[in-house]
Amino acid sequence: MKSGGYDEEYLADEVYDIVRTIKDPEFPHTLEELEVVDRDLVIVKIDEKRKIVDVEITWVPTTPSCGFALNIALCLRAKLDKEFS
């Protein structure tokens, strides 16, 4: 599906390129380097009728009891808000 010249796969690639470079709050590595985010887990849906782009990012914390999980989620949201606002 296309919206404004962009399709869902293109936008999913763009979203991944934006979030993969976020630094983990605990480790001196990016979320991509730690395999916290993965391109295959970024899904974009375009609703032409409502003019909405829905982005879903499934990410995997480095440990099940990650104390920074909320911080990482907020970093993902803030970075995307900044890039797409």
C-alpha atoms as a PDB file:
ATOM      1  CA  MET A   1       0.000   0.000   0.000  1.00  0.00           C
ATOM      2  CA  LYS A   2       1.361   3.453  -0.831  1.00  0.00           C
ATOM      3  CA  SER A   3       0.906   6.770   0.932  1.00  0.00           C
ATOM      4  CA  GLY A   4       2.376  10.014  -0.308  1.00  0.00           C
ATOM      5  CA  GLY A   5       4.815   8.118  -2.516  1.00  0.00           C
ATOM      6  CA  TYR A   6       5.930   5.748   0.258  1.00  0.00           C
ATOM      7  CA  ASP A   7       4.968   2.141   0.751  1.00  0.00           C
ATOM      8  CA  GLU A   8       4.812   0.143   3.968  1.00  0.00           C
ATOM      9  CA  GLU A   9       8.097  -1.721   3.392  1.00  0.00           C
ATOM     10  CA  TYR A  10       9.966   1.496   2.638  1.00  0.00           C
ATOM     11  CA  LEU A  11       8.611   3.138   5.800  1.00  0.00           C
ATOM     12  CA  ALA A  12       9.442   0.045   7.877  1.00  0.00           C
ATOM     13  CA  ASP A  13      13.035   0.265   6.603  1.00  0.00           C
ATOM     14  CA  GLU A  14      13.131   3.966   7.514  1.00  0.00           C
ATOM     15  CA  VAL A  15      11.761   3.298  11.021  1.00  0.00           C
ATOM     16  CA  TYR A  16      14.345   0.566  11.573  1.00  0.00           C
ATOM     17  CA  ASP A  17      17.161   2.838  10.378  1.00  0.00           C
ATOM     18  CA  ILE A  18      16.046   5.437  12.932  1.00  0.00           C
ATOM     19  CA  VAL A  19      15.693   3.172  15.972  1.00  0.00           C
ATOM     20  CA  ARG A  20      18.628   0.844  15.378  1.00  0.00           C
ATOM     21  CA  THR A  21      21.133   3.554  16.309  1.00  0.00           C
ATOM     22  CA  ILE A  22      19.657   4.272  19.754  1.00  0.00           C
ATOM     23  CA  LYS A  23      22.229   3.562  22.462  1.00  0.00           C
ATOM     24  CA  ASP A  24      21.272   1.125  25.195  1.00  0.00           C
ATOM     25  CA  PRO A  25      21.112   2.874  28.593  1.00  0.00           C
ATOM     26  CA  GLU A  26      23.107   0.076  30.278  1.00  0.00           C
ATOM     27  CA  PHE A  27      25.673  -0.863  27.664  1.00  0.00           C
ATOM     28  CA  PRO A  28      27.913   1.135  25.294  1.00  0.00           C
ATOM     29  CA  HIS A  29      26.220  -0.423  22.254  1.00  0.00           C
ATOM     30  CA  THR A  30      23.318   0.355  19.961  1.00  0.00           C
ATOM     31  CA  LEU A  31      20.034  -1.523  20.103  1.00  0.00           C
ATOM     32  CA  GLU A  32      20.965  -3.120  16.775  1.00  0.00           C
ATOM     33  CA  GLU A  33      24.353  -4.313  18.050  1.00  0.00           C
ATOM     34  CA  LEU A  34      22.668  -5.871  21.088  1.00  0.00           C
ATOM     35  CA  GLU A  35      19.987  -7.437  18.854  1.00  0.00           C
ATOM     36  CA  VAL A  36      17.270  -5.659  20.838  1.00  0.00           C
ATOM     37  CA  VAL A  37      15.661  -4.466  17.591  1.00  0.00           C
ATOM     38  CA  ASP A  38      15.409  -6.353  14.321  1.00  0.00           C
ATOM     39  CA  ARG A  39      14.145  -5.182  10.927  1.00  0.00           C
ATOM     40  CA  ASP A  40      11.813  -8.183  10.659  1.00  0.00           C
ATOM     41  CA  LEU A  41      10.023  -7.030  13.831  1.00  0.00           C
ATOM     42  CA  VAL A  42       9.102  -3.585  12.467  1.00  0.00           C
ATOM     43  CA  ILE A  43       5.636  -3.490  10.893  1.00  0.00           C
ATOM     44  CA  VAL A  44       4.083  -0.460   9.215  1.00  0.00           C
ATOM     45  CA  LYS A  45       0.436  -0.284   8.147  1.00  0.00           C
ATOM     46  CA  ILE A  46      -0.912   2.608   6.100  1.00  0.00           C
ATOM     47  CA  ASP A  47      -4.606   3.476   6.396  1.00  0.00           C
ATOM     48  CA  GLU A  48      -5.248   5.713   3.394  1.00  0.00           C
ATOM     49  CA  LYS A  49      -8.872   6.335   4.318  1.00  0.00           C
ATOM     50  CA  ARG A  50      -8.106   7.649   7.815  1.00  0.00           C
ATOM     51  CA  LYS A  51      -4.707   9.096   6.746  1.00  0.00           C
ATOM     52  CA  ILE A  52      -2.910   7.206   9.514  1.00  0.00           C
ATOM     53  CA  VAL A  53       0.371   5.343   9.508  1.00  0.00           C
ATOM     54  CA  ASP A  54       0.563   2.749  12.276  1.00  0.00           C
ATOM     55  CA  VAL A  55       4.030   1.610  13.359  1.00  0.00           C
ATOM     56  CA  GLU A  56       4.551  -1.505  15.476  1.00  0.00           C
ATOM     57  CA  ILE A  57       8.003  -2.304  16.836  1.00  0.00           C
ATOM     58  CA  THR A  58       8.534  -5.547  18.696  1.00  0.00           C
ATOM     59  CA  TRP A  59      11.783  -5.388  20.579  1.00  0.00           C
ATOM     60  CA  VAL A  60      13.551  -7.885  22.809  1.00  0.00           C
ATOM     61  CA  PRO A  61      15.236  -6.729  26.034  1.00  0.00           C
ATOM     62  CA  THR A  62      18.765  -8.030  26.657  1.00  0.00           C
ATOM     63  CA  THR A  63      17.474  -9.929  29.716  1.00  0.00           C
ATOM     64  CA  PRO A  64      13.931 -10.887  30.786  1.00  0.00           C
ATOM     65  CA  SER A  65      14.245  -8.722  33.910  1.00  0.00           C
ATOM     66  CA  CYS A  66      15.713  -5.696  32.119  1.00  0.00           C
ATOM     67  CA  GLY A  67      15.462  -2.742  34.494  1.00  0.00           C
ATOM     68  CA  PHE A  68      15.652  -0.283  31.611  1.00  0.00           C
ATOM     69  CA  ALA A  69      12.817  -1.734  29.515  1.00  0.00           C
ATOM     70  CA  LEU A  70      10.583   1.298  30.047  1.00  0.00           C
ATOM     71  CA  ASN A  71      13.466   3.659  29.249  1.00  0.00           C
ATOM     72  CA  ILE A  72      14.147   1.824  25.987  1.00  0.00           C
ATOM     73  CA  ALA A  73      10.459   1.949  25.030  1.00  0.00           C
ATOM     74  CA  LEU A  74      10.379   5.680  25.739  1.00  0.00           C
ATOM     75  CA  CYS A  75      13.568   6.212  23.711  1.00  0.00           C
ATOM     76  CA  LEU A  76      11.989   4.410  20.748  1.00  0.00           C
ATOM     77  CA  ARG A  77       8.860   6.543  20.999  1.00  0.00           C
ATOM     78  CA  ALA A  78      10.720   9.826  21.499  1.00  0.00           C
ATOM     79  CA  LYS A  79      13.110   9.253  18.605  1.00  0.00           C
ATOM     80  CA  LEU A  80      10.270   8.385  16.215  1.00  0.00           C
ATOM     81  CA  ASP A  81       8.205  11.346  17.406  1.00  0.00           C
ATOM     82  CA  LYS A  82      11.170  13.630  16.771  1.00  0.00           C
ATOM     83  CA  GLU A  83      11.875  12.218  13.308  1.00  0.00           C
ATOM     84  CA  PHE A  84       8.269  12.163  12.072  1.00  0.00           C
ATOM     85  CA  SER A  85       6.830  15.291  13.688  1.00  0.00           C
END
